[in-house]
Amino acid sequence: MARLSIIARERKREKLVALQAEKRADLKKRVKDGDIEAQALLDKLPRNGSKVRLRNRCKLTGRPRGYMRKFGISRVTFRELASAGKIPGVTKASW
């Protein structure tokens, strides 16, 4: 399991991104139109408010690697839950 401080940091970033999404989108649109002042305002916003700073993590363990978007969990957790029959519609492949 990932360290709790890392998971907490990621949640804090998610909240900041959600809080500033509209403001960032407006400023980015103004920058694209050629407004230099909007670029300065965008630079002053916190970096952690940017969506690209987010990292997909397993909802159960916080593992950052092997993340499966469709289920929102890591491959390791997915395998454990699928083997236990706790994910509906998932069966073990055999051929």
Protein backbone atom coordinates (compact mmCIF):
# COMPACT_ATOMS: atom_id res chain seq x y z
CA MET A 1 0.00 0.00 0.00
CA ALA A 2 1.18 3.50 -0.81
CA ARG A 3 2.19 5.82 2.00
CA LEU A 4 -0.77 7.70 3.41
CA SER A 5 0.98 11.05 2.93
CA ILE A 6 1.26 10.41 -0.82
CA ILE A 7 -2.41 9.48 -1.07
CA ALA A 8 -3.38 12.57 0.94
CA ARG A 9 -1.25 14.78 -1.30
CA GLU A 10 -2.97 13.37 -4.37
CA ARG A 11 -6.44 13.99 -2.88
CA LYS A 12 -5.43 17.56 -2.06
CA ARG A 13 -4.38 18.05 -5.70
CA GLU A 14 -7.69 16.63 -6.92
CA LYS A 15 -9.62 19.15 -4.82
CA LEU A 16 -7.46 22.03 -6.06
CA VAL A 17 -7.89 20.96 -9.69
CA ALA A 18 -11.67 20.80 -9.27
CA LEU A 19 -11.70 24.18 -7.55
CA GLN A 20 -9.67 25.95 -10.25
CA ALA A 21 -10.83 24.12 -13.38
CA GLU A 22 -13.18 26.83 -14.58
CA LYS A 23 -10.75 29.67 -13.88
CA ARG A 24 -7.92 27.84 -15.68
CA ALA A 25 -10.09 27.06 -18.69
CA ASP A 26 -11.10 30.72 -19.00
CA LEU A 27 -7.51 31.95 -18.73
CA LYS A 28 -6.27 29.36 -21.23
CA LYS A 29 -8.92 30.48 -23.70
CA ARG A 30 -7.84 34.10 -23.25
CA VAL A 31 -4.17 33.15 -23.73
CA LYS A 32 -5.04 31.32 -26.94
CA ASP A 33 -6.75 34.49 -28.19
CA GLY A 34 -3.49 36.40 -27.57
CA ASP A 35 -4.08 38.06 -24.19
CA ILE A 36 -0.65 38.51 -22.56
CA GLU A 37 -2.11 39.61 -19.23
CA ALA A 38 -4.02 36.31 -18.97
CA GLN A 39 -0.71 34.42 -19.31
CA ALA A 40 0.67 36.30 -16.30
CA LEU A 41 -2.47 35.46 -14.28
CA LEU A 42 -2.21 31.81 -15.31
CA ASP A 43 1.42 31.71 -14.17
CA LYS A 44 0.41 32.98 -10.73
CA LEU A 45 -2.02 30.12 -10.11
CA PRO A 46 -0.67 27.19 -8.07
CA ARG A 47 0.95 24.46 -10.14
CA ASN A 48 -0.91 21.72 -8.29
CA GLY A 49 -4.14 23.15 -9.69
CA SER A 50 -3.19 21.88 -13.15
CA LYS A 51 -4.86 18.68 -14.31
CA VAL A 52 -1.63 17.21 -15.69
CA ARG A 53 -0.18 17.04 -12.17
CA LEU A 54 -2.70 14.36 -11.19
CA ARG A 55 -1.65 10.71 -11.10
CA ASN A 56 -4.08 7.82 -11.49
CA ARG A 57 -3.98 5.69 -8.35
CA CYS A 58 -5.77 2.56 -7.19
CA LYS A 59 -8.81 3.55 -5.13
CA LEU A 60 -8.20 0.72 -2.64
CA THR A 61 -4.42 0.60 -2.20
CA GLY A 62 -3.11 3.84 -3.70
CA ARG A 63 -0.77 1.98 -6.05
CA PRO A 64 0.31 4.30 -8.91
CA ARG A 65 1.46 1.67 -11.41
CA GLY A 66 -0.63 -0.85 -13.32
CA TYR A 67 -3.78 1.26 -13.04
CA MET A 68 -6.86 0.04 -14.92
CA ARG A 69 -9.06 3.01 -15.84
CA LYS A 70 -12.19 1.00 -16.47
CA PHE A 71 -12.25 -0.27 -12.88
CA GLY A 72 -10.28 2.46 -11.07
CA ILE A 73 -7.99 -0.06 -9.38
CA SER A 74 -4.53 -1.52 -9.94
CA ARG A 75 -3.89 -4.77 -11.77
CA VAL A 76 -2.88 -6.51 -8.54
CA THR A 77 -6.08 -5.54 -6.73
CA PHE A 78 -8.11 -6.36 -9.83
CA ARG A 79 -6.67 -9.87 -9.96
CA GLU A 80 -7.40 -10.48 -6.27
CA LEU A 81 -10.99 -9.24 -6.53
CA ALA A 82 -11.65 -11.05 -9.82
CA SER A 83 -10.34 -14.34 -8.39
CA ALA A 84 -12.59 -13.92 -5.38
CA GLY A 85 -15.56 -13.29 -7.71
CA LYS A 86 -16.19 -9.79 -6.37
CA ILE A 87 -16.16 -8.03 -9.76
CA PRO A 88 -19.37 -8.77 -11.68
CA GLY A 89 -19.02 -9.94 -15.27
CA VAL A 90 -15.33 -10.84 -15.02
CA THR A 91 -14.38 -14.45 -15.55
CA LYS A 92 -11.03 -16.15 -15.72
CA ALA A 93 -9.93 -16.77 -19.29
CA SER A 94 -9.28 -20.30 -20.48
CA TRP A 95 -8.56 -21.62 -23.96
